[in-house]
């Protein structure tokens, strides 16, 4: 990533993410309980999107995971088994993190 505009944009995205997380926390005090897991899923999706936009290469597993998250958050809000969905997403992220070079030790 080059300095300057990109750094400013990343900084802006991080502040917006912090605002989203804080306002979500506040909203959860009065919103239906089912909103919490979806807000966490959306925050994870935003983090992976930001990671990609700053130029960190994605593995095919992370690309697929983010696409699935996009489908869930941007698609129709149909009845779904949220626990099963989140278990699947957690398993897929764990598998991606176990790939060689996914994270530095």
PDB file of N, CA and C in Angstrom:
ATOM      1  N   UNK A   1       0.851  -1.172   0.000  1.00  0.00           N
ATOM      2  CA  UNK A   1       0.000   0.000   0.000  1.00  0.00           C
ATOM      3  C   UNK A   1       0.893   1.230   0.000  1.00  0.00           C
ATOM      4  N   UNK A   2       0.557   2.198  -0.809  1.00  0.00           N
ATOM      5  CA  UNK A   2       1.334   3.422  -0.842  1.00  0.00           C
ATOM      6  C   UNK A   2       0.832   4.376   0.231  1.00  0.00           C
ATOM      7  N   UNK A   3       1.711   5.282   0.620  1.00  0.00           N
ATOM      8  CA  UNK A   3       1.371   6.242   1.674  1.00  0.00           C
ATOM      9  C   UNK A   3       0.429   7.304   1.120  1.00  0.00           C
ATOM     10  N   UNK A   4      -0.090   8.126   1.984  1.00  0.00           N
ATOM     11  CA  UNK A   4      -0.909   9.243   1.553  1.00  0.00           C
ATOM     12  C   UNK A   4      -2.381   8.929   1.517  1.00  0.00           C
ATOM     13  N   UNK A   5      -2.956   9.044   0.316  1.00  0.00           N
ATOM     14  CA  UNK A   5      -4.398   8.893   0.156  1.00  0.00           C
ATOM     15  C   UNK A   5      -4.869   7.534   0.638  1.00  0.00           C
ATOM     16  N   UNK A   6      -4.163   6.468   0.293  1.00  0.00           N
ATOM     17  CA  UNK A   6      -4.585   5.138   0.726  1.00  0.00           C
ATOM     18  C   UNK A   6      -4.557   5.018   2.244  1.00  0.00           C
ATOM     19  N   UNK A   7      -3.504   5.558   2.874  1.00  0.00           N
ATOM     20  CA  UNK A   7      -3.437   5.532   4.334  1.00  0.00           C
ATOM     21  C   UNK A   7      -4.605   6.308   4.940  1.00  0.00           C
ATOM     22  N   UNK A   8      -4.915   7.452   4.347  1.00  0.00           N
ATOM     23  CA  UNK A   8      -6.041   8.249   4.832  1.00  0.00           C
ATOM     24  C   UNK A   8      -7.346   7.475   4.689  1.00  0.00           C
ATOM     25  N   UNK A   9      -7.505   6.799   3.562  1.00  0.00           N
ATOM     26  CA  UNK A   9      -8.735   6.034   3.321  1.00  0.00           C
ATOM     27  C   UNK A   9      -8.861   4.884   4.307  1.00  0.00           C
ATOM     28  N   UNK A  10      -7.759   4.183   4.567  1.00  0.00           N
ATOM     29  CA  UNK A  10      -7.788   3.085   5.537  1.00  0.00           C
ATOM     30  C   UNK A  10      -8.131   3.627   6.915  1.00  0.00           C
ATOM     31  N   UNK A  11      -7.530   4.745   7.276  1.00  0.00           N
ATOM     32  CA  UNK A  11      -7.849   5.365   8.556  1.00  0.00           C
ATOM     33  C   UNK A  11      -9.313   5.725   8.667  1.00  0.00           C
ATOM     34  N   UNK A  12      -9.866   6.259   7.581  1.00  0.00           N
ATOM     35  CA  UNK A  12     -11.292   6.601   7.562  1.00  0.00           C
ATOM     36  C   UNK A  12     -12.151   5.348   7.717  1.00  0.00           C
ATOM     37  N   UNK A  13     -11.802   4.295   6.993  1.00  0.00           N
ATOM     38  CA  UNK A  13     -12.560   3.044   7.084  1.00  0.00           C
ATOM     39  C   UNK A  13     -12.508   2.463   8.497  1.00  0.00           C
ATOM     40  N   UNK A  14     -11.360   2.560   9.145  1.00  0.00           N
ATOM     41  CA  UNK A  14     -11.239   2.042  10.509  1.00  0.00           C
ATOM     42  C   UNK A  14     -12.090   2.843  11.484  1.00  0.00           C
ATOM     43  N   UNK A  15     -12.117   4.163  11.329  1.00  0.00           N
ATOM     44  CA  UNK A  15     -12.962   4.993  12.192  1.00  0.00           C
ATOM     45  C   UNK A  15     -14.434   4.675  11.943  1.00  0.00           C
ATOM     46  N   UNK A  16     -14.811   4.488  10.682  1.00  0.00           N
ATOM     47  CA  UNK A  16     -16.197   4.127  10.377  1.00  0.00           C
ATOM     48  C   UNK A  16     -16.556   2.764  10.958  1.00  0.00           C
ATOM     49  N   UNK A  17     -15.618   1.835  10.928  1.00  0.00           N
ATOM     50  CA  UNK A  17     -15.862   0.524  11.529  1.00  0.00           C
ATOM     51  C   UNK A  17     -16.036   0.654  13.040  1.00  0.00           C
ATOM     52  N   UNK A  18     -15.194   1.468  13.674  1.00  0.00           N
ATOM     53  CA  UNK A  18     -15.340   1.689  15.114  1.00  0.00           C
ATOM     54  C   UNK A  18     -16.703   2.311  15.427  1.00  0.00           C
ATOM     55  N   UNK A  19     -17.127   3.268  14.609  1.00  0.00           N
ATOM     56  CA  UNK A  19     -18.441   3.889  14.808  1.00  0.00           C
ATOM     57  C   UNK A  19     -19.552   2.860  14.641  1.00  0.00           C
ATOM     58  N   UNK A  20     -19.410   2.000  13.656  1.00  0.00           N
ATOM     59  CA  UNK A  20     -20.402   0.946  13.431  1.00  0.00           C
ATOM     60  C   UNK A  20     -20.477   0.016  14.639  1.00  0.00           C
ATOM     61  N   UNK A  21     -19.323  -0.392  15.151  1.00  0.00           N
ATOM     62  CA  UNK A  21     -19.303  -1.309  16.292  1.00  0.00           C
ATOM     63  C   UNK A  21     -19.908  -0.667  17.536  1.00  0.00           C
ATOM     64  N   UNK A  22     -19.541   0.580  17.795  1.00  0.00           N
ATOM     65  CA  UNK A  22     -20.088   1.257  18.974  1.00  0.00           C
ATOM     66  C   UNK A  22     -21.591   1.490  18.850  1.00  0.00           C
ATOM     67  N   UNK A  23     -22.032   1.957  17.694  1.00  0.00           N
ATOM     68  CA  UNK A  23     -23.466   2.193  17.530  1.00  0.00           C
ATOM     69  C   UNK A  23     -24.238   0.877  17.531  1.00  0.00           C
ATOM     70  N   UNK A  24     -23.616  -0.190  17.044  1.00  0.00           N
ATOM     71  CA  UNK A  24     -24.256  -1.509  17.112  1.00  0.00           C
ATOM     72  C   UNK A  24     -24.420  -1.943  18.557  1.00  0.00           C
ATOM     73  N   UNK A  25     -23.367  -1.755  19.344  1.00  0.00           N
ATOM     74  CA  UNK A  25     -23.453  -2.106  20.757  1.00  0.00           C
ATOM     75  C   UNK A  25     -24.568  -1.352  21.448  1.00  0.00           C
ATOM     76  N   UNK A  26     -24.681  -0.085  21.140  1.00  0.00           N
ATOM     77  CA  UNK A  26     -25.758   0.717  21.740  1.00  0.00           C
ATOM     78  C   UNK A  26     -27.124   0.245  21.253  1.00  0.00           C
ATOM     79  N   UNK A  27     -27.228  -0.003  19.980  1.00  0.00           N
ATOM     80  CA  UNK A  27     -28.498  -0.443  19.421  1.00  0.00           C
ATOM     81  C   UNK A  27     -28.963  -1.768  19.985  1.00  0.00           C
ATOM     82  N   UNK A  28     -28.021  -2.637  20.302  1.00  0.00           N
ATOM     83  CA  UNK A  28     -28.380  -3.958  20.803  1.00  0.00           C
ATOM     84  C   UNK A  28     -29.076  -3.916  22.153  1.00  0.00           C
ATOM     85  N   UNK A  29     -28.942  -2.816  22.854  1.00  0.00           N
ATOM     86  CA  UNK A  29     -29.637  -2.692  24.129  1.00  0.00           C
ATOM     87  C   UNK A  29     -31.149  -2.646  23.940  1.00  0.00           C
ATOM     88  N   UNK A  30     -31.591  -2.211  22.754  1.00  0.00           N
ATOM     89  CA  UNK A  30     -33.020  -2.051  22.511  1.00  0.00           C
ATOM     90  C   UNK A  30     -33.530  -2.852  21.321  1.00  0.00           C
ATOM     91  N   UNK A  31     -32.644  -3.414  20.527  1.00  0.00           N
ATOM     92  CA  UNK A  31     -33.044  -4.163  19.335  1.00  0.00           C
ATOM     93  C   UNK A  31     -33.291  -5.627  19.669  1.00  0.00           C
ATOM     94  N   UNK A  32     -33.947  -6.334  18.767  1.00  0.00           N
ATOM     95  CA  UNK A  32     -34.124  -7.778  18.968  1.00  0.00           C
ATOM     96  C   UNK A  32     -32.770  -8.486  19.090  1.00  0.00           C
ATOM     97  N   UNK A  33     -32.725  -9.502  19.912  1.00  0.00           N
ATOM     98  CA  UNK A  33     -31.470 -10.218  20.172  1.00  0.00           C
ATOM     99  C   UNK A  33     -30.850 -10.798  18.903  1.00  0.00           C
ATOM    100  N   UNK A  34     -31.647 -11.163  17.931  1.00  0.00           N
ATOM    101  CA  UNK A  34     -31.125 -11.767  16.701  1.00  0.00           C
ATOM    102  C   UNK A  34     -30.283 -10.793  15.882  1.00  0.00           C
ATOM    103  N   UNK A  35     -30.395  -9.491  16.146  1.00  0.00           N
ATOM    104  CA  UNK A  35     -29.588  -8.530  15.404  1.00  0.00           C
ATOM    105  C   UNK A  35     -28.108  -8.641  15.761  1.00  0.00           C
ATOM    106  N   UNK A  36     -27.792  -9.019  16.981  1.00  0.00           N
ATOM    107  CA  UNK A  36     -26.402  -9.080  17.435  1.00  0.00           C
ATOM    108  C   UNK A  36     -25.513  -9.947  16.562  1.00  0.00           C
ATOM    109  N   UNK A  37     -25.882 -11.208  16.342  1.00  0.00           N
ATOM    110  CA  UNK A  37     -25.045 -12.059  15.499  1.00  0.00           C
ATOM    111  C   UNK A  37     -24.886 -11.517  14.075  1.00  0.00           C
ATOM    112  N   UNK A  38     -25.933 -10.924  13.536  1.00  0.00           N
ATOM    113  CA  UNK A  38     -25.829 -10.367  12.184  1.00  0.00           C
ATOM    114  C   UNK A  38     -24.913  -9.153  12.154  1.00  0.00           C
ATOM    115  N   UNK A  39     -24.957  -8.344  13.189  1.00  0.00           N
ATOM    116  CA  UNK A  39     -24.054  -7.193  13.254  1.00  0.00           C
ATOM    117  C   UNK A  39     -22.600  -7.649  13.376  1.00  0.00           C
ATOM    118  N   UNK A  40     -22.352  -8.702  14.146  1.00  0.00           N
ATOM    119  CA  UNK A  40     -20.992  -9.250  14.248  1.00  0.00           C
ATOM    120  C   UNK A  40     -20.535  -9.813  12.907  1.00  0.00           C
ATOM    121  N   UNK A  41     -21.427 -10.514  12.228  1.00  0.00           N
ATOM    122  CA  UNK A  41     -21.106 -11.050  10.907  1.00  0.00           C
ATOM    123  C   UNK A  41     -20.775  -9.908   9.948  1.00  0.00           C
ATOM    124  N   UNK A  42     -21.561  -8.846   9.977  1.00  0.00           N
ATOM    125  CA  UNK A  42     -21.307  -7.715   9.091  1.00  0.00           C
ATOM    126  C   UNK A  42     -19.977  -7.050   9.419  1.00  0.00           C
ATOM    127  N   UNK A  43     -19.644  -6.925  10.690  1.00  0.00           N
ATOM    128  CA  UNK A  43     -18.357  -6.332  11.068  1.00  0.00           C
ATOM    129  C   UNK A  43     -17.202  -7.191  10.556  1.00  0.00           C
ATOM    130  N   UNK A  44     -17.313  -8.511  10.674  1.00  0.00           N
ATOM    131  CA  UNK A  44     -16.270  -9.403  10.154  1.00  0.00           C
ATOM    132  C   UNK A  44     -16.151  -9.248   8.641  1.00  0.00           C
ATOM    133  N   UNK A  45     -17.274  -9.136   7.977  1.00  0.00           N
ATOM    134  CA  UNK A  45     -17.279  -8.940   6.520  1.00  0.00           C
ATOM    135  C   UNK A  45     -16.581  -7.637   6.152  1.00  0.00           C
ATOM    136  N   UNK A  46     -16.834  -6.588   6.898  1.00  0.00           N
ATOM    137  CA  UNK A  46     -16.200  -5.291   6.635  1.00  0.00           C
ATOM    138  C   UNK A  46     -14.690  -5.355   6.856  1.00  0.00           C
ATOM    139  N   UNK A  47     -14.260  -6.072   7.887  1.00  0.00           N
ATOM    140  CA  UNK A  47     -12.824  -6.215   8.151  1.00  0.00           C
ATOM    141  C   UNK A  47     -12.147  -6.943   6.994  1.00  0.00           C
ATOM    142  N   UNK A  48     -12.747  -8.038   6.533  1.00  0.00           N
ATOM    143  CA  UNK A  48     -12.154  -8.780   5.415  1.00  0.00           C
ATOM    144  C   UNK A  48     -12.143  -7.943   4.141  1.00  0.00           C
ATOM    145  N   UNK A  49     -13.162  -7.146   3.934  1.00  0.00           N
ATOM    146  CA  UNK A  49     -13.204  -6.261   2.776  1.00  0.00           C
ATOM    147  C   UNK A  49     -12.099  -5.216   2.852  1.00  0.00           C
ATOM    148  N   UNK A  50     -11.928  -4.613   4.011  1.00  0.00           N
ATOM    149  CA  UNK A  50     -10.872  -3.620   4.204  1.00  0.00           C
ATOM    150  C   UNK A  50      -9.506  -4.253   3.987  1.00  0.00           C
ATOM    151  N   UNK A  51      -9.311  -5.452   4.510  1.00  0.00           N
ATOM    152  CA  UNK A  51      -8.047  -6.177   4.333  1.00  0.00           C
ATOM    153  C   UNK A  51      -7.733  -6.343   2.853  1.00  0.00           C
ATOM    154  N   UNK A  52      -8.721  -6.702   2.097  1.00  0.00           N
ATOM    155  CA  UNK A  52      -8.541  -6.891   0.657  1.00  0.00           C
ATOM    156  C   UNK A  52      -8.238  -5.568  -0.041  1.00  0.00           C
ATOM    157  N   UNK A  53      -8.946  -4.505   0.352  1.00  0.00           N
ATOM    158  CA  UNK A  53      -8.760  -3.199  -0.294  1.00  0.00           C
ATOM    159  C   UNK A  53      -7.401  -2.586  -0.018  1.00  0.00           C
ATOM    160  N   UNK A  54      -6.760  -2.933   1.083  1.00  0.00           N
ATOM    161  CA  UNK A  54      -5.434  -2.367   1.347  1.00  0.00           C
ATOM    162  C   UNK A  54      -4.339  -3.162   0.649  1.00  0.00           C
ATOM    163  N   UNK A  55      -4.741  -4.188  -0.084  1.00  0.00           N
ATOM    164  CA  UNK A  55      -3.773  -4.894  -0.910  1.00  0.00           C
ATOM    165  C   UNK A  55      -3.222  -6.177  -0.344  1.00  0.00           C
ATOM    166  N   UNK A  56      -3.757  -6.636   0.776  1.00  0.00           N
ATOM    167  CA  UNK A  56      -3.321  -7.923   1.311  1.00  0.00           C
ATOM    168  C   UNK A  56      -3.969  -9.004   0.453  1.00  0.00           C
ATOM    169  N   UNK A  57      -3.152  -9.868  -0.164  1.00  0.00           N
ATOM    170  CA  UNK A  57      -3.748 -10.884  -1.035  1.00  0.00           C
ATOM    171  C   UNK A  57      -4.611 -11.867  -0.245  1.00  0.00           C
ATOM    172  N   UNK A  58      -5.744 -12.206  -0.826  1.00  0.00           N
ATOM    173  CA  UNK A  58      -6.659 -13.163  -0.201  1.00  0.00           C
ATOM    174  C   UNK A  58      -6.408 -14.555  -0.742  1.00  0.00           C
ATOM    175  N   UNK A  59      -6.514 -15.517   0.129  1.00  0.00           N
ATOM    176  CA  UNK A  59      -6.494 -16.908  -0.308  1.00  0.00           C
ATOM    177  C   UNK A  59      -7.849 -17.202  -0.944  1.00  0.00           C
ATOM    178  N   UNK A  60      -7.936 -18.257  -1.745  1.00  0.00           N
ATOM    179  CA  UNK A  60      -9.245 -18.625  -2.295  1.00  0.00           C
ATOM    180  C   UNK A  60     -10.278 -18.881  -1.192  1.00  0.00           C
ATOM    181  N   UNK A  61      -9.829 -19.428  -0.066  1.00  0.00           N
ATOM    182  CA  UNK A  61     -10.747 -19.703   1.044  1.00  0.00           C
ATOM    183  C   UNK A  61     -11.330 -18.409   1.612  1.00  0.00           C
ATOM    184  N   UNK A  62     -10.476 -17.390   1.787  1.00  0.00           N
ATOM    185  CA  UNK A  62     -10.976 -16.114   2.311  1.00  0.00           C
ATOM    186  C   UNK A  62     -11.868 -15.408   1.300  1.00  0.00           C
ATOM    187  N   UNK A  63     -11.528 -15.510   0.037  1.00  0.00           N
ATOM    188  CA  UNK A  63     -12.368 -14.919  -1.005  1.00  0.00           C
ATOM    189  C   UNK A  63     -13.753 -15.553  -0.992  1.00  0.00           C
ATOM    190  N   UNK A  64     -13.800 -16.878  -0.902  1.00  0.00           N
ATOM    191  CA  UNK A  64     -15.084 -17.585  -0.850  1.00  0.00           C
ATOM    192  C   UNK A  64     -15.861 -17.239   0.416  1.00  0.00           C
ATOM    193  N   UNK A  65     -15.153 -17.145   1.535  1.00  0.00           N
ATOM    194  CA  UNK A  65     -15.792 -16.811   2.806  1.00  0.00           C
ATOM    195  C   UNK A  65     -16.427 -15.427   2.738  1.00  0.00           C
ATOM    196  N   UNK A  66     -15.672 -14.470   2.223  1.00  0.00           N
ATOM    197  CA  UNK A  66     -16.200 -13.107   2.129  1.00  0.00           C
ATOM    198  C   UNK A  66     -17.384 -13.048   1.170  1.00  0.00           C
ATOM    199  N   UNK A  67     -17.324 -13.797   0.083  1.00  0.00           N
ATOM    200  CA  UNK A  67     -18.450 -13.839  -0.859  1.00  0.00           C
ATOM    201  C   UNK A  67     -19.699 -14.395  -0.180  1.00  0.00           C
ATOM    202  N   UNK A  68     -19.524 -15.408   0.645  1.00  0.00           N
ATOM    203  CA  UNK A  68     -20.665 -15.981   1.371  1.00  0.00           C
ATOM    204  C   UNK A  68     -21.241 -14.960   2.348  1.00  0.00           C
ATOM    205  N   UNK A  69     -20.358 -14.234   3.038  1.00  0.00           N
ATOM    206  CA  UNK A  69     -20.816 -13.196   3.958  1.00  0.00           C
ATOM    207  C   UNK A  69     -21.563 -12.102   3.201  1.00  0.00           C
ATOM    208  N   UNK A  70     -21.049 -11.714   2.039  1.00  0.00           N
ATOM    209  CA  UNK A  70     -21.732 -10.714   1.215  1.00  0.00           C
ATOM    210  C   UNK A  70     -23.120 -11.200   0.825  1.00  0.00           C
ATOM    211  N   UNK A  71     -23.206 -12.471   0.435  1.00  0.00           N
ATOM    212  CA  UNK A  71     -24.505 -13.042   0.060  1.00  0.00           C
ATOM    213  C   UNK A  71     -25.505 -12.944   1.208  1.00  0.00           C
ATOM    214  N   UNK A  72     -25.034 -13.264   2.405  1.00  0.00           N
ATOM    215  CA  UNK A  72     -25.915 -13.242   3.571  1.00  0.00           C
ATOM    216  C   UNK A  72     -26.349 -11.813   3.887  1.00  0.00           C
ATOM    217  N   UNK A  73     -25.392 -10.890   3.925  1.00  0.00           N
ATOM    218  CA  UNK A  73     -25.700  -9.530   4.358  1.00  0.00           C
ATOM    219  C   UNK A  73     -26.386  -8.694   3.283  1.00  0.00           C
ATOM    220  N   UNK A  74     -26.145  -8.999   2.029  1.00  0.00           N
ATOM    221  CA  UNK A  74     -26.700  -8.181   0.948  1.00  0.00           C
ATOM    222  C   UNK A  74     -27.883  -8.844   0.256  1.00  0.00           C
ATOM    223  N   UNK A  75     -28.163 -10.083   0.627  1.00  0.00           N
ATOM    224  CA  UNK A  75     -29.273 -10.804   0.016  1.00  0.00           C
ATOM    225  C   UNK A  75     -30.566 -10.568   0.773  1.00  0.00           C
ATOM    226  N   UNK A  76     -31.571 -11.268   0.332  1.00  0.00           N
ATOM    227  CA  UNK A  76     -32.876 -11.180   0.987  1.00  0.00           C
ATOM    228  C   UNK A  76     -32.776 -11.727   2.405  1.00  0.00           C
ATOM    229  N   UNK A  77     -33.456 -11.078   3.311  1.00  0.00           N
ATOM    230  CA  UNK A  77     -33.446 -11.517   4.702  1.00  0.00           C
ATOM    231  C   UNK A  77     -34.471 -12.633   4.880  1.00  0.00           C
ATOM    232  N   UNK A  78     -34.104 -13.801   4.431  1.00  0.00           N
ATOM    233  CA  UNK A  78     -34.983 -14.969   4.533  1.00  0.00           C
ATOM    234  C   UNK A  78     -34.779 -15.635   5.886  1.00  0.00           C
ATOM    235  N   UNK A  79     -35.745 -16.458   6.238  1.00  0.00           N
ATOM    236  CA  UNK A  79     -35.567 -17.251   7.454  1.00  0.00           C
ATOM    237  C   UNK A  79     -34.391 -18.185   7.237  1.00  0.00           C
ATOM    238  N   UNK A  80     -33.453 -18.154   8.151  1.00  0.00           N
ATOM    239  CA  UNK A  80     -32.293 -19.029   8.049  1.00  0.00           C
ATOM    240  C   UNK A  80     -31.893 -19.461   9.443  1.00  0.00           C
ATOM    241  N   UNK A  81     -31.227 -20.576   9.494  1.00  0.00           N
ATOM    242  CA  UNK A  81     -30.723 -21.066  10.770  1.00  0.00           C
ATOM    243  C   UNK A  81     -29.410 -20.346  11.043  1.00  0.00           C
ATOM    244  N   UNK A  82     -29.493 -19.283  11.819  1.00  0.00           N
ATOM    245  CA  UNK A  82     -28.342 -18.428  12.060  1.00  0.00           C
ATOM    246  C   UNK A  82     -27.219 -19.176  12.761  1.00  0.00           C
ATOM    247  N   UNK A  83     -27.558 -20.064  13.688  1.00  0.00           N
ATOM    248  CA  UNK A  83     -26.512 -20.808  14.382  1.00  0.00           C
ATOM    249  C   UNK A  83     -25.742 -21.704  13.420  1.00  0.00           C
ATOM    250  N   UNK A  84     -26.439 -22.352  12.502  1.00  0.00           N
ATOM    251  CA  UNK A  84     -25.786 -23.221  11.513  1.00  0.00           C
ATOM    252  C   UNK A  84     -24.923 -22.384  10.572  1.00  0.00           C
ATOM    253  N   UNK A  85     -25.447 -21.249  10.133  1.00  0.00           N
ATOM    254  CA  UNK A  85     -24.701 -20.357   9.250  1.00  0.00           C
ATOM    255  C   UNK A  85     -23.417 -19.876   9.912  1.00  0.00           C
ATOM    256  N   UNK A  86     -23.522 -19.394  11.146  1.00  0.00           N
ATOM    257  CA  UNK A  86     -22.344 -18.884  11.842  1.00  0.00           C
ATOM    258  C   UNK A  86     -21.345 -19.993  12.144  1.00  0.00           C
ATOM    259  N   UNK A  87     -21.824 -21.179  12.490  1.00  0.00           N
ATOM    260  CA  UNK A  87     -20.909 -22.312  12.692  1.00  0.00           C
ATOM    261  C   UNK A  87     -20.122 -22.592  11.421  1.00  0.00           C
ATOM    262  N   UNK A  88     -20.814 -22.581  10.283  1.00  0.00           N
ATOM    263  CA  UNK A  88     -20.150 -22.832   9.007  1.00  0.00           C
ATOM    264  C   UNK A  88     -19.115 -21.753   8.703  1.00  0.00           C
ATOM    265  N   UNK A  89     -19.474 -20.491   8.893  1.00  0.00           N
ATOM    266  CA  UNK A  89     -18.539 -19.400   8.628  1.00  0.00           C
ATOM    267  C   UNK A  89     -17.331 -19.463   9.558  1.00  0.00           C
ATOM    268  N   UNK A  90     -17.557 -19.783  10.824  1.00  0.00           N
ATOM    269  CA  UNK A  90     -16.443 -19.924  11.775  1.00  0.00           C
ATOM    270  C   UNK A  90     -15.517 -21.063  11.363  1.00  0.00           C
ATOM    271  N   UNK A  91     -16.099 -22.189  10.971  1.00  0.00           N
ATOM    272  CA  UNK A  91     -15.289 -23.331  10.528  1.00  0.00           C
ATOM    273  C   UNK A  91     -14.469 -22.972   9.297  1.00  0.00           C
ATOM    274  N   UNK A  92     -15.083 -22.262   8.369  1.00  0.00           N
ATOM    275  CA  UNK A  92     -14.377 -21.889   7.142  1.00  0.00           C
ATOM    276  C   UNK A  92     -13.250 -20.905   7.422  1.00  0.00           C
ATOM    277  N   UNK A  93     -13.481 -19.960   8.331  1.00  0.00           N
ATOM    278  CA  UNK A  93     -12.419 -19.016   8.679  1.00  0.00           C
ATOM    279  C   UNK A  93     -11.290 -19.733   9.407  1.00  0.00           C
ATOM    280  N   UNK A  94     -11.627 -20.635  10.314  1.00  0.00           N
ATOM    281  CA  UNK A  94     -10.595 -21.405  11.023  1.00  0.00           C
ATOM    282  C   UNK A  94      -9.754 -22.208  10.038  1.00  0.00           C
ATOM    283  N   UNK A  95     -10.388 -22.820   9.054  1.00  0.00           N
ATOM    284  CA  UNK A  95      -9.651 -23.588   8.046  1.00  0.00           C
ATOM    285  C   UNK A  95      -8.730 -22.674   7.241  1.00  0.00           C
ATOM    286  N   UNK A  96      -9.210 -21.483   6.896  1.00  0.00           N
ATOM    287  CA  UNK A  96      -8.380 -20.536   6.146  1.00  0.00           C
ATOM    288  C   UNK A  96      -7.182 -20.090   6.973  1.00  0.00           C
ATOM    289  N   UNK A  97      -7.387 -19.918   8.272  1.00  0.00           N
ATOM    290  CA  UNK A  97      -6.291 -19.491   9.149  1.00  0.00           C
ATOM    291  C   UNK A  97      -5.250 -20.579   9.358  1.00  0.00           C
ATOM    292  N   UNK A  98      -5.643 -21.824   9.163  1.00  0.00           N
ATOM    293  CA  UNK A  98      -4.705 -22.937   9.320  1.00  0.00           C
ATOM    294  C   UNK A  98      -3.836 -23.154   8.088  1.00  0.00           C
ATOM    295  N   UNK A  99      -4.165 -22.497   6.987  1.00  0.00           N
ATOM    296  CA  UNK A  99      -3.373 -22.637   5.767  1.00  0.00           C
ATOM    297  C   UNK A  99      -1.981 -22.049   5.995  1.00  0.00           C
ATOM    298  N   UNK A 100      -0.957 -22.677   5.410  1.00  0.00           N
ATOM    299  CA  UNK A 100       0.409 -22.148   5.550  1.00  0.00           C
ATOM    300  C   UNK A 100       0.492 -20.696   5.070  1.00  0.00           C
ATOM    301  N   UNK A 101       1.097 -19.856   5.886  1.00  0.00           N
ATOM    302  CA  UNK A 101       1.281 -18.455   5.541  1.00  0.00           C
ATOM    303  C   UNK A 101       0.081 -17.565   5.786  1.00  0.00           C
ATOM    304  N   UNK A 102      -0.999 -18.116   6.306  1.00  0.00           N
ATOM    305  CA  UNK A 102      -2.207 -17.311   6.527  1.00  0.00           C
ATOM    306  C   UNK A 102      -1.976 -16.239   7.586  1.00  0.00           C
ATOM    307  N   UNK A 103      -1.270 -16.586   8.630  1.00  0.00           N
ATOM    308  CA  UNK A 103      -0.935 -15.630   9.688  1.00  0.00           C
ATOM    309  C   UNK A 103       0.519 -15.833  10.076  1.00  0.00           C
ATOM    310  N   UNK A 104       1.147 -14.763  10.520  1.00  0.00           N
ATOM    311  CA  UNK A 104       2.529 -14.898  10.983  1.00  0.00           C
ATOM    312  C   UNK A 104       2.517 -15.336  12.438  1.00  0.00           C
ATOM    313  N   UNK A 105       3.481 -16.150  12.777  1.00  0.00           N
ATOM    314  CA  UNK A 105       3.522 -16.683  14.146  1.00  0.00           C
ATOM    315  C   UNK A 105       4.236 -15.754  15.078  1.00  0.00           C
TER     316      UNK A 105
END
